[in-house]
Amino acid sequence: MLIRQKTVLSLLSQAGKPLSPTVFVKLVFLLRQETGLERVPSFYDFVPYNYGPFSFTLYWDLGSLQQSGYVTTEEERIALCGRTLDLAQKEAEELPAFIQVAVADVLKSYGRMKQSALVRDVYSRYPWFALNSKLPDRRVASIRRPKKAPPAVYTAGYEGRSVDAFFNDLLKRGIDLVVDVRANPVSRKYGFSGLRFGEFCKKLGLEYRHVPSLGIPSNARAGLNGFASYQRLLNRYEQTMLPDRSAEVEDVGRLMRRQPSVLVCVEKDVRCCHRSRLAEAVAQTTGLEVVHL
């Protein structure tokens, strides 16, 4: 079991009572923001959503814990299952001491607050995450919407990031459109496979376009084993593949002139990703600057 999942069990165990989904998410959010867990890269990240800070990854894990019999979400309350309570507490006790203390501290500070008071407190101190909230308490936050990103050929790779952190960054940068340039948008990393990735874009108010013809087929990537091999592949992509995709390149260029858009692929190191060569091709048709996020 992942440490972040054990932390969820610890929170529910130490709370000693069922939590509403809103309170549950706010407490996990505060664990991220106000304790040593802010330095743990694998812990949950958050995006501004319908009820304030939200983590798609947190709810994915919650579903896994429910399927495993550790957690119940009956009657719109989140709690540990009675039949597996001992197992859940045992998992929670295996956490590093600083995480157990962090959970206790957050519950001591916020665990007794009424939901409305907790929401107002979070919104007032973390107004960015109230950006898209539908709750009336949103009014307490002094929210500044991000400015639209200036025209440029933006690119981003999601390697090493959670889907929540990735989208939060795009929203803060004022991006409107995600252009997925993977040939095959399948990922073992939660949230980044094409269908779900597109759904998350829609939920967060972003447009999504998949342009598979601008990707590199999986069979062409076979045998990559270092920087030099990546460069040979990218040179071949630039010299033999892209010239046959001039219409698609121009289409993407029109999108990028029209609204703040980002070319998205996997690799963190843009030098080893075809989006670097694609971005240069788009820049040549538009006259826009290339910006790697």
C-alpha atoms as a PDB file:
ATOM      1  CA  MET A   1       0.000   0.000   0.000  1.00  0.00           C
ATOM      2  CA  LEU A   2       1.258   3.480  -0.875  1.00  0.00           C
ATOM      3  CA  ILE A   3       2.263   5.867   1.916  1.00  0.00           C
ATOM      4  CA  ARG A   4      -0.326   8.402   0.778  1.00  0.00           C
ATOM      5  CA  GLN A   5      -3.056   5.729   1.009  1.00  0.00           C
ATOM      6  CA  LYS A   6      -1.901   4.802   4.501  1.00  0.00           C
ATOM      7  CA  THR A   7      -2.090   8.492   5.369  1.00  0.00           C
ATOM      8  CA  VAL A   8      -5.756   8.492   4.342  1.00  0.00           C
ATOM      9  CA  LEU A   9      -6.341   5.525   6.655  1.00  0.00           C
ATOM     10  CA  SER A  10      -4.516   7.329   9.455  1.00  0.00           C
ATOM     11  CA  LEU A  11      -6.667  10.434   8.973  1.00  0.00           C
ATOM     12  CA  LEU A  12      -9.896   8.445   9.111  1.00  0.00           C
ATOM     13  CA  SER A  13      -8.655   6.411  12.065  1.00  0.00           C
ATOM     14  CA  GLN A  14      -7.533   9.399  14.123  1.00  0.00           C
ATOM     15  CA  ALA A  15     -10.678  11.341  13.226  1.00  0.00           C
ATOM     16  CA  GLY A  16     -12.688   8.574  14.883  1.00  0.00           C
ATOM     17  CA  LYS A  17     -15.855   9.485  12.991  1.00  0.00           C
ATOM     18  CA  PRO A  18     -17.203   9.558   9.430  1.00  0.00           C
ATOM     19  CA  LEU A  19     -16.264  12.657   7.440  1.00  0.00           C
ATOM     20  CA  SER A  20     -18.194  14.420   4.737  1.00  0.00           C
ATOM     21  CA  PRO A  21     -16.398  14.394   1.369  1.00  0.00           C
ATOM     22  CA  THR A  22     -15.900  18.156   1.610  1.00  0.00           C
ATOM     23  CA  VAL A  23     -14.303  18.000   5.051  1.00  0.00           C
ATOM     24  CA  PHE A  24     -12.253  14.933   4.090  1.00  0.00           C
ATOM     25  CA  VAL A  25     -10.724  16.624   1.055  1.00  0.00           C
ATOM     26  CA  LYS A  26     -10.069  19.875   2.929  1.00  0.00           C
ATOM     27  CA  LEU A  27      -8.210  18.023   5.683  1.00  0.00           C
ATOM     28  CA  VAL A  28      -6.032  16.152   3.194  1.00  0.00           C
ATOM     29  CA  PHE A  29      -5.400  19.461   1.426  1.00  0.00           C
ATOM     30  CA  LEU A  30      -4.266  21.039   4.697  1.00  0.00           C
ATOM     31  CA  LEU A  31      -1.968  18.081   5.300  1.00  0.00           C
ATOM     32  CA  ARG A  32      -0.333  18.925   1.992  1.00  0.00           C
ATOM     33  CA  GLN A  33      -0.154  22.660   2.607  1.00  0.00           C
ATOM     34  CA  GLU A  34       0.688  22.988   6.282  1.00  0.00           C
ATOM     35  CA  THR A  35       2.744  19.982   7.380  1.00  0.00           C
ATOM     36  CA  GLY A  36       5.920  18.161   6.438  1.00  0.00           C
ATOM     37  CA  LEU A  37       3.953  16.366   3.735  1.00  0.00           C
ATOM     38  CA  GLU A  38       4.444  19.415   1.529  1.00  0.00           C
ATOM     39  CA  ARG A  39       7.970  18.053   1.000  1.00  0.00           C
ATOM     40  CA  VAL A  40       6.791  14.569  -0.025  1.00  0.00           C
ATOM     41  CA  PRO A  41       6.547  14.552  -3.856  1.00  0.00           C
ATOM     42  CA  SER A  42       4.342  11.463  -3.960  1.00  0.00           C
ATOM     43  CA  PHE A  43       1.656  12.964  -1.726  1.00  0.00           C
ATOM     44  CA  TYR A  44      -1.512  14.450  -3.197  1.00  0.00           C
ATOM     45  CA  ASP A  45      -1.529  17.595  -5.293  1.00  0.00           C
ATOM     46  CA  PHE A  46      -4.627  19.741  -5.813  1.00  0.00           C
ATOM     47  CA  VAL A  47      -6.466  21.763  -8.439  1.00  0.00           C
ATOM     48  CA  PRO A  48      -9.242  24.384  -8.115  1.00  0.00           C
ATOM     49  CA  TYR A  49     -12.502  22.569  -8.750  1.00  0.00           C
ATOM     50  CA  ASN A  50     -16.241  22.678  -7.990  1.00  0.00           C
ATOM     51  CA  TYR A  51     -15.911  22.738  -4.204  1.00  0.00           C
ATOM     52  CA  GLY A  52     -12.466  24.244  -3.796  1.00  0.00           C
ATOM     53  CA  PRO A  53      -9.206  22.279  -3.690  1.00  0.00           C
ATOM     54  CA  PHE A  54      -9.644  18.838  -5.229  1.00  0.00           C
ATOM     55  CA  SER A  55      -7.407  15.911  -6.097  1.00  0.00           C
ATOM     56  CA  PHE A  56      -8.388  13.451  -8.811  1.00  0.00           C
ATOM     57  CA  THR A  57      -5.611  11.168  -7.553  1.00  0.00           C
ATOM     58  CA  LEU A  58      -6.995  11.252  -4.009  1.00  0.00           C
ATOM     59  CA  TYR A  59     -10.390  10.079  -5.235  1.00  0.00           C
ATOM     60  CA  TRP A  60      -8.773   7.392  -7.348  1.00  0.00           C
ATOM     61  CA  ASP A  61      -6.988   6.094  -4.243  1.00  0.00           C
ATOM     62  CA  LEU A  62     -10.185   6.371  -2.224  1.00  0.00           C
ATOM     63  CA  GLY A  63     -11.899   4.119  -4.779  1.00  0.00           C
ATOM     64  CA  SER A  64      -9.052   1.606  -4.501  1.00  0.00           C
ATOM     65  CA  LEU A  65      -9.302   1.595  -0.699  1.00  0.00           C
ATOM     66  CA  GLN A  66     -13.040   1.078  -0.992  1.00  0.00           C
ATOM     67  CA  GLN A  67     -12.594  -1.852  -3.373  1.00  0.00           C
ATOM     68  CA  SER A  68     -10.076  -3.365  -0.960  1.00  0.00           C
ATOM     69  CA  GLY A  69     -12.599  -3.161   1.860  1.00  0.00           C
ATOM     70  CA  TYR A  70     -10.794  -0.564   3.972  1.00  0.00           C
ATOM     71  CA  VAL A  71     -13.116   2.375   3.406  1.00  0.00           C
ATOM     72  CA  THR A  72     -16.847   2.907   3.030  1.00  0.00           C
ATOM     73  CA  THR A  73     -18.563   5.912   1.462  1.00  0.00           C
ATOM     74  CA  GLU A  74     -22.126   5.120   2.432  1.00  0.00           C
ATOM     75  CA  GLU A  75     -24.631   7.938   3.028  1.00  0.00           C
ATOM     76  CA  GLU A  76     -22.204  10.492   1.605  1.00  0.00           C
ATOM     77  CA  ARG A  77     -19.809   9.948   4.478  1.00  0.00           C
ATOM     78  CA  ILE A  78     -16.264   8.602   4.312  1.00  0.00           C
ATOM     79  CA  ALA A  79     -15.171   6.245   7.080  1.00  0.00           C
ATOM     80  CA  LEU A  80     -13.176   3.111   7.821  1.00  0.00           C
ATOM     81  CA  CYS A  81     -15.016  -0.198   7.415  1.00  0.00           C
ATOM     82  CA  GLY A  82     -15.700  -1.885  10.729  1.00  0.00           C
ATOM     83  CA  ARG A  83     -14.773  -5.349   9.491  1.00  0.00           C
ATOM     84  CA  THR A  84     -11.274  -4.256   8.434  1.00  0.00           C
ATOM     85  CA  LEU A  85     -10.702  -1.634  11.112  1.00  0.00           C
ATOM     86  CA  ASP A  86      -7.807  -3.503  12.743  1.00  0.00           C
ATOM     87  CA  LEU A  87      -6.076  -3.992   9.396  1.00  0.00           C
ATOM     88  CA  ALA A  88      -6.506  -0.323   8.510  1.00  0.00           C
ATOM     89  CA  GLN A  89      -5.107   0.810  11.844  1.00  0.00           C
ATOM     90  CA  LYS A  90      -2.159  -1.547  11.432  1.00  0.00           C
ATOM     91  CA  GLU A  91      -1.393  -0.056   8.011  1.00  0.00           C
ATOM     92  CA  ALA A  92      -1.639   3.451   9.465  1.00  0.00           C
ATOM     93  CA  GLU A  93       0.721   2.584  12.318  1.00  0.00           C
ATOM     94  CA  GLU A  94       3.415   1.687   9.777  1.00  0.00           C
ATOM     95  CA  LEU A  95       3.628   5.302   8.660  1.00  0.00           C
ATOM     96  CA  PRO A  96       6.724   7.350   9.535  1.00  0.00           C
ATOM     97  CA  ALA A  97       6.282   9.134  12.838  1.00  0.00           C
ATOM     98  CA  PHE A  98       6.311  12.603  11.273  1.00  0.00           C
ATOM     99  CA  ILE A  99       3.263  11.741   9.139  1.00  0.00           C
ATOM    100  CA  GLN A 100       1.322  10.373  12.098  1.00  0.00           C
ATOM    101  CA  VAL A 101       2.128  13.565  14.001  1.00  0.00           C
ATOM    102  CA  ALA A 102       1.133  15.685  10.988  1.00  0.00           C
ATOM    103  CA  VAL A 103      -2.269  13.984  10.844  1.00  0.00           C
ATOM    104  CA  ALA A 104      -2.785  14.526  14.561  1.00  0.00           C
ATOM    105  CA  ASP A 105      -1.810  18.199  14.283  1.00  0.00           C
ATOM    106  CA  VAL A 106      -4.213  18.885  11.397  1.00  0.00           C
ATOM    107  CA  LEU A 107      -7.061  17.179  13.232  1.00  0.00           C
ATOM    108  CA  LYS A 108      -6.253  19.121  16.397  1.00  0.00           C
ATOM    109  CA  SER A 109      -6.368  22.419  14.495  1.00  0.00           C
ATOM    110  CA  TYR A 110      -9.257  21.757  12.128  1.00  0.00           C
ATOM    111  CA  GLY A 111     -10.973  18.498  13.014  1.00  0.00           C
ATOM    112  CA  ARG A 112     -13.646  20.065  15.217  1.00  0.00           C
ATOM    113  CA  MET A 113     -14.555  22.900  12.885  1.00  0.00           C
ATOM    114  CA  LYS A 114     -17.966  22.874  11.247  1.00  0.00           C
ATOM    115  CA  GLN A 115     -17.852  22.254   7.525  1.00  0.00           C
ATOM    116  CA  SER A 116     -18.917  25.783   6.611  1.00  0.00           C
ATOM    117  CA  ALA A 117     -16.266  27.315   8.875  1.00  0.00           C
ATOM    118  CA  LEU A 118     -13.585  25.000   7.497  1.00  0.00           C
ATOM    119  CA  VAL A 119     -14.503  25.881   3.905  1.00  0.00           C
ATOM    120  CA  ARG A 120     -14.427  29.616   4.662  1.00  0.00           C
ATOM    121  CA  ASP A 121     -11.069  29.278   6.364  1.00  0.00           C
ATOM    122  CA  VAL A 122      -9.504  27.354   3.479  1.00  0.00           C
ATOM    123  CA  TYR A 123     -10.967  29.700   0.864  1.00  0.00           C
ATOM    124  CA  SER A 124      -9.802  32.825   2.671  1.00  0.00           C
ATOM    125  CA  ARG A 125      -6.225  31.606   3.083  1.00  0.00           C
ATOM    126  CA  TYR A 126      -5.895  29.693  -0.197  1.00  0.00           C
ATOM    127  CA  PRO A 127      -8.032  31.742  -2.609  1.00  0.00           C
ATOM    128  CA  TRP A 128      -6.518  30.224  -5.750  1.00  0.00           C
ATOM    129  CA  PHE A 129      -8.234  26.943  -4.985  1.00  0.00           C
ATOM    130  CA  ALA A 130     -11.617  28.657  -4.660  1.00  0.00           C
ATOM    131  CA  LEU A 131     -11.329  29.849  -8.253  1.00  0.00           C
ATOM    132  CA  ASN A 132     -13.935  27.447  -9.679  1.00  0.00           C
ATOM    133  CA  SER A 133     -15.939  26.718  -6.546  1.00  0.00           C
ATOM    134  CA  LYS A 134     -19.737  26.567  -6.731  1.00  0.00           C
ATOM    135  CA  LEU A 135     -20.123  27.007  -2.985  1.00  0.00           C
ATOM    136  CA  PRO A 136     -21.467  30.328  -1.654  1.00  0.00           C
ATOM    137  CA  ASP A 137     -18.438  30.582   0.665  1.00  0.00           C
ATOM    138  CA  ARG A 138     -16.390  31.352  -2.435  1.00  0.00           C
ATOM    139  CA  ARG A 139     -17.321  34.994  -1.862  1.00  0.00           C
ATOM    140  CA  VAL A 140     -14.942  35.219   1.093  1.00  0.00           C
ATOM    141  CA  ALA A 141     -11.942  34.688  -1.151  1.00  0.00           C
ATOM    142  CA  SER A 142     -10.140  37.492  -2.935  1.00  0.00           C
ATOM    143  CA  ILE A 143      -9.681  35.622  -6.199  1.00  0.00           C
ATOM    144  CA  ARG A 144      -7.579  36.822  -9.084  1.00  0.00           C
ATOM    145  CA  ARG A 145      -8.088  34.844 -12.240  1.00  0.00           C
ATOM    146  CA  PRO A 146      -4.849  34.157 -14.106  1.00  0.00           C
ATOM    147  CA  LYS A 147      -4.181  36.256 -17.158  1.00  0.00           C
ATOM    148  CA  LYS A 148      -4.340  34.499 -20.486  1.00  0.00           C
ATOM    149  CA  ALA A 149      -0.911  33.280 -21.490  1.00  0.00           C
ATOM    150  CA  PRO A 150       0.589  35.534 -24.182  1.00  0.00           C
ATOM    151  CA  PRO A 151       0.760  34.040 -27.691  1.00  0.00           C
ATOM    152  CA  ALA A 152       3.538  31.447 -27.954  1.00  0.00           C
ATOM    153  CA  VAL A 153       4.147  27.836 -28.886  1.00  0.00           C
ATOM    154  CA  TYR A 154       3.968  26.286 -25.416  1.00  0.00           C
ATOM    155  CA  THR A 155       5.003  22.700 -24.684  1.00  0.00           C
ATOM    156  CA  ALA A 156       4.833  20.546 -21.543  1.00  0.00           C
ATOM    157  CA  GLY A 157       5.779  17.012 -20.495  1.00  0.00           C
ATOM    158  CA  TYR A 158       4.035  15.237 -17.657  1.00  0.00           C
ATOM    159  CA  GLU A 159       6.741  12.742 -16.698  1.00  0.00           C
ATOM    160  CA  GLY A 160       7.309  12.696 -12.923  1.00  0.00           C
ATOM    161  CA  ARG A 161       4.195  14.724 -12.124  1.00  0.00           C
ATOM    162  CA  SER A 162       0.747  13.891 -10.838  1.00  0.00           C
ATOM    163  CA  VAL A 163      -2.186  14.719 -13.064  1.00  0.00           C
ATOM    164  CA  ASP A 164      -3.362  17.227 -10.447  1.00  0.00           C
ATOM    165  CA  ALA A 165      -0.022  19.079 -10.321  1.00  0.00           C
ATOM    166  CA  PHE A 166       0.193  19.068 -14.105  1.00  0.00           C
ATOM    167  CA  PHE A 167      -3.238  20.631 -14.603  1.00  0.00           C
ATOM    168  CA  ASN A 168      -2.809  23.073 -11.726  1.00  0.00           C
ATOM    169  CA  ASP A 169       0.303  24.438 -13.416  1.00  0.00           C
ATOM    170  CA  LEU A 170      -1.446  24.837 -16.783  1.00  0.00           C
ATOM    171  CA  LEU A 171      -4.348  26.675 -15.147  1.00  0.00           C
ATOM    172  CA  LYS A 172      -2.006  29.035 -13.307  1.00  0.00           C
ATOM    173  CA  ARG A 173      -0.176  29.807 -16.544  1.00  0.00           C
ATOM    174  CA  GLY A 174      -3.394  30.794 -18.307  1.00  0.00           C
ATOM    175  CA  ILE A 175      -3.530  27.941 -20.813  1.00  0.00           C
ATOM    176  CA  ASP A 176      -6.885  27.282 -22.516  1.00  0.00           C
ATOM    177  CA  LEU A 177      -6.230  24.364 -24.873  1.00  0.00           C
ATOM    178  CA  VAL A 178      -4.316  21.107 -24.436  1.00  0.00           C
ATOM    179  CA  VAL A 179      -3.026  19.638 -27.704  1.00  0.00           C
ATOM    180  CA  ASP A 180      -2.091  16.006 -27.067  1.00  0.00           C
ATOM    181  CA  VAL A 181       0.576  15.039 -29.617  1.00  0.00           C
ATOM    182  CA  ARG A 182       1.150  11.456 -28.487  1.00  0.00           C
ATOM    183  CA  ALA A 183       0.627   8.916 -31.268  1.00  0.00           C
ATOM    184  CA  ASN A 184      -0.910   6.535 -28.750  1.00  0.00           C
ATOM    185  CA  PRO A 185      -2.315   8.340 -25.680  1.00  0.00           C
ATOM    186  CA  VAL A 186      -1.977   5.414 -23.281  1.00  0.00           C
ATOM    187  CA  SER A 187      -0.211   5.783 -19.958  1.00  0.00           C
ATOM    188  CA  ARG A 188       0.349   3.602 -16.922  1.00  0.00           C
ATOM    189  CA  LYS A 189       0.388   6.784 -14.867  1.00  0.00           C
ATOM    190  CA  TYR A 190      -3.055   7.595 -13.495  1.00  0.00           C
ATOM    191  CA  GLY A 191      -4.976  10.317 -15.303  1.00  0.00           C
ATOM    192  CA  PHE A 192      -2.866  10.629 -18.430  1.00  0.00           C
ATOM    193  CA  SER A 193      -4.508   8.080 -20.728  1.00  0.00           C
ATOM    194  CA  GLY A 194      -6.376   9.784 -23.552  1.00  0.00           C
ATOM    195  CA  LEU A 195     -10.021   9.336 -22.574  1.00  0.00           C
ATOM    196  CA  ARG A 196      -9.584  10.194 -18.896  1.00  0.00           C
ATOM    197  CA  PHE A 197      -7.076  12.947 -19.715  1.00  0.00           C
ATOM    198  CA  GLY A 198      -9.617  14.565 -22.019  1.00  0.00           C
ATOM    199  CA  GLU A 199     -12.364  14.223 -19.408  1.00  0.00           C
ATOM    200  CA  PHE A 200     -10.234  15.969 -16.791  1.00  0.00           C
ATOM    201  CA  CYS A 201      -9.522  18.800 -19.226  1.00  0.00           C
ATOM    202  CA  LYS A 202     -13.259  19.311 -19.736  1.00  0.00           C
ATOM    203  CA  LYS A 203     -13.971  19.245 -15.995  1.00  0.00           C
ATOM    204  CA  LEU A 204     -11.370  21.949 -15.434  1.00  0.00           C
ATOM    205  CA  GLY A 205     -12.583  24.180 -18.249  1.00  0.00           C
ATOM    206  CA  LEU A 206      -9.792  23.330 -20.688  1.00  0.00           C
ATOM    207  CA  GLU A 207     -10.266  22.282 -24.285  1.00  0.00           C
ATOM    208  CA  TYR A 208      -8.642  19.053 -25.432  1.00  0.00           C
ATOM    209  CA  ARG A 209      -7.465  18.052 -28.891  1.00  0.00           C
ATOM    210  CA  HIS A 210      -5.665  14.851 -29.789  1.00  0.00           C
ATOM    211  CA  VAL A 211      -3.537  14.983 -32.929  1.00  0.00           C
ATOM    212  CA  PRO A 212      -2.049  11.458 -33.169  1.00  0.00           C
ATOM    213  CA  SER A 213      -0.601  12.032 -36.645  1.00  0.00           C
ATOM    214  CA  LEU A 214       1.957  14.411 -35.112  1.00  0.00           C
ATOM    215  CA  GLY A 215       3.229  11.732 -32.736  1.00  0.00           C
ATOM    216  CA  ILE A 216       5.897   9.090 -33.224  1.00  0.00           C
ATOM    217  CA  PRO A 217       4.590   5.512 -33.591  1.00  0.00           C
ATOM    218  CA  SER A 218       5.512   3.146 -30.770  1.00  0.00           C
ATOM    219  CA  ASN A 219       7.417   0.795 -33.066  1.00  0.00           C
ATOM    220  CA  ALA A 220       9.754   3.640 -34.048  1.00  0.00           C
ATOM    221  CA  ARG A 221      10.684   4.074 -30.377  1.00  0.00           C
ATOM    222  CA  ALA A 222      11.864   0.491 -29.945  1.00  0.00           C
ATOM    223  CA  GLY A 223      15.479   0.193 -28.845  1.00  0.00           C
ATOM    224  CA  LEU A 224      15.920   3.708 -27.467  1.00  0.00           C
ATOM    225  CA  ASN A 225      18.658   3.460 -24.863  1.00  0.00           C
ATOM    226  CA  GLY A 226      20.234   6.848 -24.384  1.00  0.00           C
ATOM    227  CA  PHE A 227      20.461  10.481 -25.411  1.00  0.00           C
ATOM    228  CA  ALA A 228      22.169   9.780 -28.727  1.00  0.00           C
ATOM    229  CA  SER A 229      19.514   7.273 -29.804  1.00  0.00           C
ATOM    230  CA  TYR A 230      16.777   9.779 -28.956  1.00  0.00           C
ATOM    231  CA  GLN A 231      18.484  12.412 -31.092  1.00  0.00           C
ATOM    232  CA  ARG A 232      18.721  10.049 -34.066  1.00  0.00           C
ATOM    233  CA  LEU A 233      14.996   9.332 -33.746  1.00  0.00           C
ATOM    234  CA  LEU A 234      14.099  13.009 -33.430  1.00  0.00           C
ATOM    235  CA  ASN A 235      16.270  13.911 -36.415  1.00  0.00           C
ATOM    236  CA  ARG A 236      14.415  11.296 -38.442  1.00  0.00           C
ATOM    237  CA  TYR A 237      11.076  12.648 -37.187  1.00  0.00           C
ATOM    238  CA  GLU A 238      12.035  16.190 -38.166  1.00  0.00           C
ATOM    239  CA  GLN A 239      13.468  15.288 -41.557  1.00  0.00           C
ATOM    240  CA  THR A 240      11.178  12.528 -42.820  1.00  0.00           C
ATOM    241  CA  MET A 241       7.934  12.529 -40.782  1.00  0.00           C
ATOM    242  CA  LEU A 242       7.101  16.191 -40.206  1.00  0.00           C
ATOM    243  CA  PRO A 243       7.354  17.245 -43.891  1.00  0.00           C
ATOM    244  CA  ASP A 244       4.451  14.882 -44.617  1.00  0.00           C
ATOM    245  CA  ARG A 245       2.413  16.479 -41.831  1.00  0.00           C
ATOM    246  CA  SER A 246       2.534  20.105 -42.966  1.00  0.00           C
ATOM    247  CA  ALA A 247      -1.270  20.440 -42.963  1.00  0.00           C
ATOM    248  CA  GLU A 248      -1.523  19.246 -39.345  1.00  0.00           C
ATOM    249  CA  VAL A 249       1.351  21.519 -38.321  1.00  0.00           C
ATOM    250  CA  GLU A 250      -0.443  24.497 -39.859  1.00  0.00           C
ATOM    251  CA  ASP A 251      -3.700  23.520 -38.151  1.00  0.00           C
ATOM    252  CA  VAL A 252      -1.944  23.469 -34.783  1.00  0.00           C
ATOM    253  CA  GLY A 253      -0.346  26.807 -35.573  1.00  0.00           C
ATOM    254  CA  ARG A 254      -3.764  28.348 -36.225  1.00  0.00           C
ATOM    255  CA  LEU A 255      -4.971  27.050 -32.858  1.00  0.00           C
ATOM    256  CA  MET A 256      -1.968  28.541 -31.086  1.00  0.00           C
ATOM    257  CA  ARG A 257      -2.458  31.925 -32.689  1.00  0.00           C
ATOM    258  CA  ARG A 258      -6.128  31.850 -31.697  1.00  0.00           C
ATOM    259  CA  GLN A 259      -5.823  30.864 -28.012  1.00  0.00           C
ATOM    260  CA  PRO A 260      -3.211  29.946 -25.382  1.00  0.00           C
ATOM    261  CA  SER A 261      -2.397  26.317 -26.212  1.00  0.00           C
ATOM    262  CA  VAL A 262       0.178  23.769 -25.128  1.00  0.00           C
ATOM    263  CA  LEU A 263       1.682  20.762 -26.930  1.00  0.00           C
ATOM    264  CA  VAL A 264       1.640  17.887 -24.445  1.00  0.00           C
ATOM    265  CA  CYS A 265       3.679  14.700 -24.466  1.00  0.00           C
ATOM    266  CA  VAL A 266       5.403  12.461 -21.925  1.00  0.00           C
ATOM    267  CA  GLU A 267       9.077  13.243 -21.510  1.00  0.00           C
ATOM    268  CA  LYS A 268      10.244  15.687 -18.868  1.00  0.00           C
ATOM    269  CA  ASP A 269      13.433  16.434 -20.795  1.00  0.00           C
ATOM    270  CA  VAL A 270      12.195  18.269 -23.882  1.00  0.00           C
ATOM    271  CA  ARG A 271      15.456  17.460 -25.660  1.00  0.00           C
ATOM    272  CA  CYS A 272      14.371  13.814 -25.732  1.00  0.00           C
ATOM    273  CA  CYS A 273      10.806  14.508 -26.862  1.00  0.00           C
ATOM    274  CA  HIS A 274       9.473  15.066 -30.360  1.00  0.00           C
ATOM    275  CA  ARG A 275       7.445  18.033 -29.126  1.00  0.00           C
ATOM    276  CA  SER A 276      10.673  20.075 -29.248  1.00  0.00           C
ATOM    277  CA  ARG A 277      11.013  19.546 -33.012  1.00  0.00           C
ATOM    278  CA  LEU A 278       7.280  19.913 -33.561  1.00  0.00           C
ATOM    279  CA  ALA A 279       7.271  23.192 -31.641  1.00  0.00           C
ATOM    280  CA  GLU A 280      10.004  24.578 -33.890  1.00  0.00           C
ATOM    281  CA  ALA A 281       8.015  23.566 -36.970  1.00  0.00           C
ATOM    282  CA  VAL A 282       4.895  25.274 -35.602  1.00  0.00           C
ATOM    283  CA  ALA A 283       6.942  28.361 -34.719  1.00  0.00           C
ATOM    284  CA  GLN A 284       8.162  28.601 -38.306  1.00  0.00           C
ATOM    285  CA  THR A 285       4.579  28.722 -39.594  1.00  0.00           C
ATOM    286  CA  THR A 286       3.357  31.215 -36.987  1.00  0.00           C
ATOM    287  CA  GLY A 287       6.309  33.411 -36.084  1.00  0.00           C
ATOM    288  CA  LEU A 288       5.595  32.702 -32.411  1.00  0.00           C
ATOM    289  CA  GLU A 289       8.222  32.090 -29.755  1.00  0.00           C
ATOM    290  CA  VAL A 290       8.711  28.541 -28.420  1.00  0.00           C
ATOM    291  CA  VAL A 291       8.246  28.259 -24.635  1.00  0.00           C
ATOM    292  CA  HIS A 292       8.857  24.943 -22.877  1.00  0.00           C
ATOM    293  CA  LEU A 293       6.912  24.889 -19.590  1.00  0.00           C
END
